Protein backbone atom coordinates (compact mmCIF):
# COMPACT_ATOMS: atom_id res chain seq x y z
CA MET A 1 -16.47 2.38 9.63
CA ALA A 2 -13.27 0.49 8.78
CA ALA A 3 -10.45 2.26 7.00
CA ARG A 4 -10.02 1.24 3.36
CA ILE A 5 -6.66 -0.02 2.14
CA LEU A 6 -5.77 -0.56 -1.50
CA VAL A 7 -3.16 -3.30 -1.99
CA VAL A 8 -1.27 -3.04 -5.28
CA ASP A 9 0.94 -6.02 -6.12
CA ASP A 10 1.38 -8.09 -9.27
CA ASP A 11 1.80 -11.31 -7.25
CA GLU A 12 -1.59 -12.94 -6.66
CA ASN A 13 -0.31 -14.85 -3.62
CA ILE A 14 0.99 -11.69 -1.94
CA ARG A 15 -2.32 -9.92 -2.60
CA ALA A 16 -4.26 -12.82 -1.05
CA LEU A 17 -1.96 -12.97 1.96
CA LEU A 18 -2.13 -9.22 2.54
CA ARG A 19 -5.92 -9.28 2.21
CA LEU A 20 -6.06 -11.97 4.89
CA HIS A 21 -3.80 -10.10 7.33
CA LEU A 22 -5.33 -6.67 6.75
CA SER A 23 -8.96 -7.78 6.87
CA SER A 24 -8.22 -9.81 10.02
CA ALA A 25 -6.89 -6.59 11.57
CA GLY A 26 -10.18 -4.84 10.84
CA TYR A 27 -9.47 -3.02 7.59
CA GLU A 28 -11.56 -3.05 4.43
CA VAL A 29 -9.26 -4.24 1.63
CA GLU A 30 -9.32 -3.69 -2.13
CA LEU A 31 -6.87 -5.37 -4.48
CA ALA A 32 -5.20 -4.30 -7.72
CA GLU A 33 -2.76 -6.35 -9.77
CA ASP A 34 -0.96 -3.37 -11.31
CA ALA A 35 -0.75 0.41 -11.31
CA ILE A 36 -3.29 0.75 -14.13
CA VAL A 37 -6.03 -1.06 -12.20
CA ALA A 38 -4.98 0.74 -9.01
CA GLY A 39 -5.22 4.10 -10.72
CA HIS A 40 -8.80 3.38 -11.76
CA ARG A 41 -9.70 2.33 -8.22
CA VAL A 42 -8.16 5.49 -6.76
CA LEU A 43 -10.07 7.69 -9.21
CA LEU A 44 -13.37 5.94 -8.44
CA GLN A 45 -12.97 6.05 -4.67
CA PRO A 46 -9.69 7.09 -3.08
CA PRO A 47 -8.63 4.68 -0.31
CA ASP A 48 -7.48 5.74 3.13
CA LEU A 49 -4.05 4.16 2.54
CA ILE A 50 -2.20 2.35 -0.25
CA VAL A 51 0.14 -0.61 0.20
CA CYS A 52 2.13 -0.75 -3.03
CA ASP A 53 4.73 -3.09 -4.46
CA VAL A 54 7.68 -1.40 -6.14
CA ALA A 55 8.45 -3.84 -8.98
CA MET A 56 5.37 -4.22 -11.18
CA PRO A 57 4.67 -4.40 -14.91
CA TYR A 58 3.61 -1.36 -16.99
CA MET A 59 4.47 1.18 -14.29
CA ASP A 60 6.49 0.54 -11.15
CA GLY A 61 5.23 1.55 -7.73
CA PHE A 62 7.43 4.63 -7.56
CA GLU A 63 6.08 5.90 -10.90
CA PHE A 64 2.52 5.16 -9.81
CA VAL A 65 2.83 7.07 -6.55
CA ALA A 66 4.61 9.97 -8.28
CA ALA A 67 1.66 10.20 -10.70
CA LEU A 68 -0.82 10.20 -7.80
CA LYS A 69 1.10 12.91 -5.97
CA ALA A 70 1.24 15.03 -9.15
CA ASP A 71 -2.55 15.04 -9.51
CA PRO A 72 -3.89 18.04 -7.57
CA THR A 73 -7.46 16.69 -7.72
CA LEU A 74 -6.60 13.68 -5.55
CA PRO A 75 -6.36 13.78 -1.77
CA ARG A 76 -3.03 13.01 -0.16
CA ILE A 77 -3.12 9.27 0.44
CA PRO A 78 -0.55 7.68 2.77
CA VAL A 79 1.53 5.04 0.98
CA VAL A 80 3.47 2.08 2.36
CA PHE A 81 5.82 0.52 -0.19
CA LEU A 82 6.63 -3.19 -0.28
CA SER A 83 9.80 -4.32 -1.98
CA SER A 84 12.47 -6.96 -2.13
CA LEU A 85 14.92 -4.10 -2.79
CA GLU A 86 16.85 -3.00 0.26
CA ASP A 87 17.95 0.27 -1.35
CA GLY A 88 14.59 1.81 -2.32
CA GLU A 89 13.75 3.46 0.98
CA ALA A 90 15.35 6.81 0.06
CA ARG A 91 13.26 7.03 -3.11
CA ALA A 92 10.14 6.08 -1.13
CA ARG A 93 10.80 8.88 1.37
CA GLU A 94 11.33 11.36 -1.50
CA LEU A 95 7.83 10.47 -2.68
CA GLY A 96 6.41 11.05 0.79
CA ALA A 97 5.79 7.40 1.68
CA VAL A 98 4.89 6.73 5.30
CA GLY A 99 6.62 3.35 5.27
CA TYR A 100 8.90 0.98 3.38
CA VAL A 101 8.63 -2.71 4.23
CA THR A 102 10.93 -5.29 2.67
CA LYS A 103 9.83 -8.69 1.43
CA PRO A 104 9.29 -11.25 2.67
CA VAL A 105 6.67 -9.20 4.47
CA ARG A 106 6.21 -9.74 8.18
CA ALA A 107 2.54 -9.10 8.91
CA ASP A 108 3.23 -7.63 12.35
CA ARG A 109 5.70 -5.11 10.90
CA LEU A 110 3.32 -4.06 8.12
CA LEU A 111 0.36 -3.75 10.51
CA GLU A 112 2.47 -1.68 12.89
CA VAL A 113 3.37 0.79 10.12
CA ILE A 114 -0.24 1.00 8.92
CA ALA A 115 -1.67 1.42 12.43
CA ARG A 116 0.44 4.55 12.89
CA HIS A 117 -1.42 6.19 10.00
CA LEU A 118 -4.95 4.76 10.14
CA PRO A 119 -7.56 4.47 12.84
CA GLY A 120 -9.59 1.31 13.29
CA GLY A 121 -7.04 -1.45 12.90
CA THR A 122 -5.44 -3.69 15.44
CA VAL A 123 -1.89 -4.89 15.74
CA PRO A 124 -1.54 -8.49 16.89
CA ILE A 125 0.49 -8.95 20.05
CA GLY A 126 3.33 -11.43 20.05
């Protein structure tokens, strides 16, 4: 059974691109356009990993992940942050993120980070 990844990003094009790359690598992918929708998806069925944008409306990615980590009823879900901010990695590490990938996202870099934390995916060579 393929690992499930929840992609949380307010940019529709980024979500579509990440779905393409992640599903091509063998993962099952769910999409959420903001932290509110993502929170509902996590409560219904926690994913195996979350790929989360930092800058989003309503609640930024850091706030979203902090809220997840504060809920003792949820399993610990590995999180990879995506951001155009170069200086957010320290905050991501404080929250226990397993990765911090800057935009524009290189698919090989993202897949490499994810593959370290999930079984069942493949990392393209070259």
